[in-house]
Amino acid sequence: MTASSWAQSAEYPDGIVTAESLFGNGRISGPVRQTNLGYDVQLPSGSWVPCIRSCGDTLRVETIDYWDARKNIVKECGVFGCLKLEYPR
């Protein structure tokens, strides 16, 4: 990986993003790179995934909040903050 492929922008000045769990599962950091289609964030497994709304939310949902996000149908945070959808029982 060359230095020029890492994200160097106002949003990710160090090319690193940190995310904190919404469910108390801790924090995680990962590198961010810019591609022709936008930003990608690297998961601990080494694979790169595209950032949907923000790289922090993508990293959080795909790692430390993976099972909680699927169980509670919580996805990435957007313009209106973190929305939680629950179905009546």
N, C-alpha and C. Protein backbone atom coordinates (compact mmCIF):
# COMPACT_ATOMS: atom_id res chain seq x y z
N MET A 1 0.85 -1.17 0.00
CA MET A 1 0.00 0.00 0.00
C MET A 1 0.89 1.24 0.00
N THR A 2 0.68 2.10 -0.94
CA THR A 2 1.47 3.32 -1.01
C THR A 2 0.81 4.42 -0.21
N ALA A 3 1.60 5.37 0.19
CA ALA A 3 1.07 6.47 1.00
C ALA A 3 0.04 7.28 0.24
N SER A 4 0.15 7.34 -1.08
CA SER A 4 -0.79 8.15 -1.86
C SER A 4 -2.19 7.55 -1.89
N SER A 5 -2.33 6.24 -1.59
CA SER A 5 -3.65 5.63 -1.63
C SER A 5 -4.42 5.80 -0.32
N TRP A 6 -3.74 6.23 0.74
CA TRP A 6 -4.43 6.46 2.01
C TRP A 6 -5.22 7.76 1.92
N ALA A 7 -6.32 7.80 2.61
CA ALA A 7 -7.18 8.98 2.58
C ALA A 7 -6.49 10.14 3.30
N GLN A 8 -6.30 11.22 2.62
CA GLN A 8 -5.74 12.41 3.22
C GLN A 8 -6.66 13.57 2.87
N SER A 9 -7.62 13.81 3.74
CA SER A 9 -8.60 14.85 3.50
C SER A 9 -8.91 15.53 4.83
N ALA A 10 -9.76 16.53 4.78
CA ALA A 10 -10.17 17.21 6.00
C ALA A 10 -10.97 16.26 6.89
N GLU A 11 -11.70 15.33 6.29
CA GLU A 11 -12.52 14.39 7.07
C GLU A 11 -11.66 13.32 7.74
N TYR A 12 -10.62 12.87 7.06
CA TYR A 12 -9.72 11.83 7.58
C TYR A 12 -8.27 12.29 7.40
N PRO A 13 -7.83 13.28 8.17
CA PRO A 13 -6.50 13.86 7.95
C PRO A 13 -5.36 12.88 8.18
N ASP A 14 -5.53 11.91 9.08
CA ASP A 14 -4.48 10.94 9.36
C ASP A 14 -4.66 9.65 8.57
N GLY A 15 -5.75 9.54 7.83
CA GLY A 15 -6.04 8.30 7.12
C GLY A 15 -6.52 7.21 8.05
N ILE A 16 -6.95 7.59 9.26
CA ILE A 16 -7.44 6.64 10.28
C ILE A 16 -8.78 7.13 10.79
N VAL A 17 -9.69 6.19 11.02
CA VAL A 17 -10.99 6.54 11.60
C VAL A 17 -11.19 5.69 12.86
N THR A 18 -11.82 6.27 13.87
CA THR A 18 -12.12 5.56 15.11
C THR A 18 -13.62 5.57 15.32
N ALA A 19 -14.16 4.42 15.71
CA ALA A 19 -15.60 4.30 15.95
C ALA A 19 -15.83 3.76 17.35
N GLU A 20 -16.91 4.22 17.98
CA GLU A 20 -17.27 3.75 19.31
C GLU A 20 -18.61 3.03 19.22
N SER A 21 -18.71 1.91 19.91
CA SER A 21 -19.92 1.09 19.89
C SER A 21 -21.11 1.83 20.47
N LEU A 22 -22.28 1.59 19.90
CA LEU A 22 -23.52 2.13 20.45
C LEU A 22 -24.06 1.22 21.55
N PHE A 23 -23.45 0.04 21.73
CA PHE A 23 -23.94 -0.96 22.67
C PHE A 23 -22.93 -1.29 23.76
N GLY A 24 -21.91 -0.46 23.92
CA GLY A 24 -20.93 -0.68 24.97
C GLY A 24 -19.89 -1.74 24.65
N ASN A 25 -19.66 -1.99 23.38
CA ASN A 25 -18.70 -3.02 22.96
C ASN A 25 -17.29 -2.48 22.76
N GLY A 26 -17.02 -1.24 23.11
CA GLY A 26 -15.68 -0.68 23.01
C GLY A 26 -15.50 0.25 21.83
N ARG A 27 -14.23 0.41 21.45
CA ARG A 27 -13.86 1.28 20.33
C ARG A 27 -12.97 0.50 19.38
N ILE A 28 -12.94 0.97 18.13
CA ILE A 28 -12.09 0.34 17.12
C ILE A 28 -11.60 1.42 16.16
N SER A 29 -10.39 1.24 15.66
CA SER A 29 -9.82 2.15 14.68
C SER A 29 -9.38 1.37 13.46
N GLY A 30 -9.40 2.03 12.33
CA GLY A 30 -8.96 1.38 11.10
C GLY A 30 -8.54 2.40 10.07
N PRO A 31 -7.68 1.98 9.14
CA PRO A 31 -7.24 2.88 8.08
C PRO A 31 -8.33 3.14 7.05
N VAL A 32 -8.26 4.31 6.45
CA VAL A 32 -9.21 4.73 5.42
C VAL A 32 -8.41 5.07 4.17
N ARG A 33 -8.93 4.67 3.02
CA ARG A 33 -8.29 5.04 1.75
C ARG A 33 -9.33 5.62 0.81
N GLN A 34 -8.87 6.46 -0.09
CA GLN A 34 -9.76 7.06 -1.07
C GLN A 34 -9.61 6.30 -2.38
N THR A 35 -10.74 5.96 -2.99
CA THR A 35 -10.75 5.29 -4.28
C THR A 35 -11.49 6.17 -5.28
N ASN A 36 -11.60 5.71 -6.50
CA ASN A 36 -12.34 6.46 -7.52
C ASN A 36 -13.82 6.58 -7.19
N LEU A 37 -14.33 5.64 -6.39
CA LEU A 37 -15.76 5.62 -6.06
C LEU A 37 -16.07 6.21 -4.69
N GLY A 38 -15.07 6.65 -3.96
CA GLY A 38 -15.28 7.20 -2.62
C GLY A 38 -14.26 6.64 -1.66
N TYR A 39 -14.64 6.54 -0.39
CA TYR A 39 -13.73 6.05 0.64
C TYR A 39 -13.99 4.58 0.93
N ASP A 40 -12.93 3.87 1.34
CA ASP A 40 -13.00 2.50 1.85
C ASP A 40 -12.37 2.50 3.22
N VAL A 41 -12.85 1.61 4.10
CA VAL A 41 -12.25 1.42 5.41
C VAL A 41 -11.81 -0.03 5.51
N GLN A 42 -10.68 -0.25 6.19
CA GLN A 42 -10.15 -1.60 6.31
C GLN A 42 -10.63 -2.24 7.60
N LEU A 43 -11.18 -3.45 7.48
CA LEU A 43 -11.63 -4.22 8.64
C LEU A 43 -10.44 -4.94 9.25
N PRO A 44 -10.56 -5.41 10.51
CA PRO A 44 -9.45 -6.13 11.13
C PRO A 44 -9.02 -7.37 10.34
N SER A 45 -9.91 -7.95 9.56
CA SER A 45 -9.57 -9.12 8.75
C SER A 45 -8.63 -8.77 7.60
N GLY A 46 -8.51 -7.48 7.32
CA GLY A 46 -7.66 -7.03 6.22
C GLY A 46 -8.43 -6.65 4.97
N SER A 47 -9.71 -6.99 4.92
CA SER A 47 -10.50 -6.65 3.74
C SER A 47 -10.95 -5.19 3.81
N TRP A 48 -11.12 -4.61 2.64
CA TRP A 48 -11.57 -3.22 2.52
C TRP A 48 -13.03 -3.22 2.13
N VAL A 49 -13.83 -2.39 2.78
CA VAL A 49 -15.25 -2.25 2.44
C VAL A 49 -15.55 -0.78 2.16
N PRO A 50 -16.46 -0.51 1.24
CA PRO A 50 -16.81 0.88 0.94
C PRO A 50 -17.53 1.54 2.12
N CYS A 51 -17.22 2.78 2.38
CA CYS A 51 -17.92 3.55 3.41
C CYS A 51 -19.26 3.99 2.84
N ILE A 52 -20.32 3.71 3.56
CA ILE A 52 -21.66 4.05 3.08
C ILE A 52 -21.95 5.53 3.35
N ARG A 53 -22.18 5.89 4.58
CA ARG A 53 -22.42 7.30 4.92
C ARG A 53 -21.17 7.91 5.54
N SER A 54 -20.60 7.19 6.49
CA SER A 54 -19.34 7.62 7.08
C SER A 54 -18.50 6.37 7.33
N CYS A 55 -17.21 6.53 7.27
CA CYS A 55 -16.32 5.39 7.47
C CYS A 55 -16.37 4.90 8.91
N GLY A 56 -16.58 5.81 9.85
CA GLY A 56 -16.70 5.41 11.25
C GLY A 56 -17.90 4.52 11.49
N ASP A 57 -19.04 4.90 10.92
CA ASP A 57 -20.24 4.08 11.08
C ASP A 57 -20.09 2.74 10.38
N THR A 58 -19.50 2.74 9.20
CA THR A 58 -19.30 1.49 8.48
C THR A 58 -18.39 0.55 9.28
N LEU A 59 -17.31 1.08 9.82
CA LEU A 59 -16.39 0.27 10.62
C LEU A 59 -17.10 -0.28 11.85
N ARG A 60 -17.87 0.56 12.52
CA ARG A 60 -18.59 0.14 13.73
C ARG A 60 -19.59 -0.96 13.42
N VAL A 61 -20.43 -0.76 12.39
CA VAL A 61 -21.48 -1.73 12.05
C VAL A 61 -20.89 -3.05 11.58
N GLU A 62 -19.77 -3.01 10.89
CA GLU A 62 -19.18 -4.23 10.34
C GLU A 62 -18.26 -4.96 11.33
N THR A 63 -18.00 -4.36 12.50
CA THR A 63 -17.09 -5.01 13.45
C THR A 63 -17.71 -5.10 14.84
N ILE A 64 -17.50 -4.10 15.68
CA ILE A 64 -17.87 -4.21 17.09
C ILE A 64 -19.37 -4.24 17.35
N ASP A 65 -20.17 -3.70 16.45
CA ASP A 65 -21.63 -3.75 16.62
C ASP A 65 -22.29 -4.68 15.61
N TYR A 66 -21.52 -5.62 15.06
CA TYR A 66 -22.03 -6.49 13.98
C TYR A 66 -23.31 -7.22 14.40
N TRP A 67 -23.25 -7.98 15.48
CA TRP A 67 -24.43 -8.78 15.88
C TRP A 67 -25.52 -7.90 16.47
N ASP A 68 -25.18 -6.90 17.24
CA ASP A 68 -26.19 -6.00 17.81
C ASP A 68 -26.92 -5.25 16.71
N ALA A 69 -26.20 -4.85 15.67
CA ALA A 69 -26.82 -4.11 14.57
C ALA A 69 -27.83 -4.99 13.84
N ARG A 70 -27.52 -6.26 13.67
CA ARG A 70 -28.45 -7.15 12.98
C ARG A 70 -29.62 -7.54 13.87
N LYS A 71 -29.35 -7.75 15.15
CA LYS A 71 -30.41 -8.13 16.09
C LYS A 71 -31.41 -6.99 16.27
N ASN A 72 -30.93 -5.78 16.38
CA ASN A 72 -31.78 -4.63 16.64
C ASN A 72 -32.13 -3.85 15.39
N ILE A 73 -31.72 -4.33 14.24
CA ILE A 73 -31.95 -3.68 12.96
C ILE A 73 -31.45 -2.24 12.98
N VAL A 74 -30.29 -2.05 13.57
CA VAL A 74 -29.66 -0.73 13.58
C VAL A 74 -28.65 -0.71 12.45
N LYS A 75 -28.75 0.26 11.60
CA LYS A 75 -27.80 0.39 10.51
C LYS A 75 -26.93 1.60 10.77
N GLU A 76 -26.32 2.10 9.75
CA GLU A 76 -25.41 3.22 9.92
C GLU A 76 -26.19 4.50 10.19
N CYS A 77 -25.55 5.41 10.88
CA CYS A 77 -26.17 6.69 11.20
C CYS A 77 -26.15 7.58 9.97
N GLY A 78 -27.18 8.36 9.81
CA GLY A 78 -27.28 9.23 8.65
C GLY A 78 -27.49 10.68 9.04
N VAL A 79 -28.15 11.40 8.18
CA VAL A 79 -28.38 12.82 8.37
C VAL A 79 -29.18 13.09 9.65
N PHE A 80 -30.10 12.19 9.98
CA PHE A 80 -30.97 12.38 11.14
C PHE A 80 -30.43 11.71 12.39
N GLY A 81 -29.16 11.32 12.40
CA GLY A 81 -28.57 10.65 13.55
C GLY A 81 -28.72 9.15 13.42
N CYS A 82 -28.59 8.45 14.53
CA CYS A 82 -28.71 6.99 14.53
C CYS A 82 -30.17 6.62 14.77
N LEU A 83 -30.80 6.12 13.74
CA LEU A 83 -32.20 5.72 13.85
C LEU A 83 -32.28 4.24 14.19
N LYS A 84 -33.21 3.88 15.04
CA LYS A 84 -33.37 2.49 15.45
C LYS A 84 -34.78 2.05 15.08
N LEU A 85 -34.87 1.02 14.27
CA LEU A 85 -36.15 0.49 13.86
C LEU A 85 -36.45 -0.78 14.63
N GLU A 86 -37.60 -0.83 15.25
CA GLU A 86 -38.02 -2.03 15.98
C GLU A 86 -39.42 -2.38 15.53
N TYR A 87 -39.65 -3.66 15.41
CA TYR A 87 -40.98 -4.13 15.03
C TYR A 87 -41.76 -4.51 16.27
N PRO A 88 -43.08 -4.22 16.29
CA PRO A 88 -43.89 -4.59 17.46
C PRO A 88 -43.91 -6.11 17.62
N ARG A 89 -43.99 -6.54 18.85
CA ARG A 89 -44.01 -7.98 19.13
C ARG A 89 -45.39 -8.47 19.39
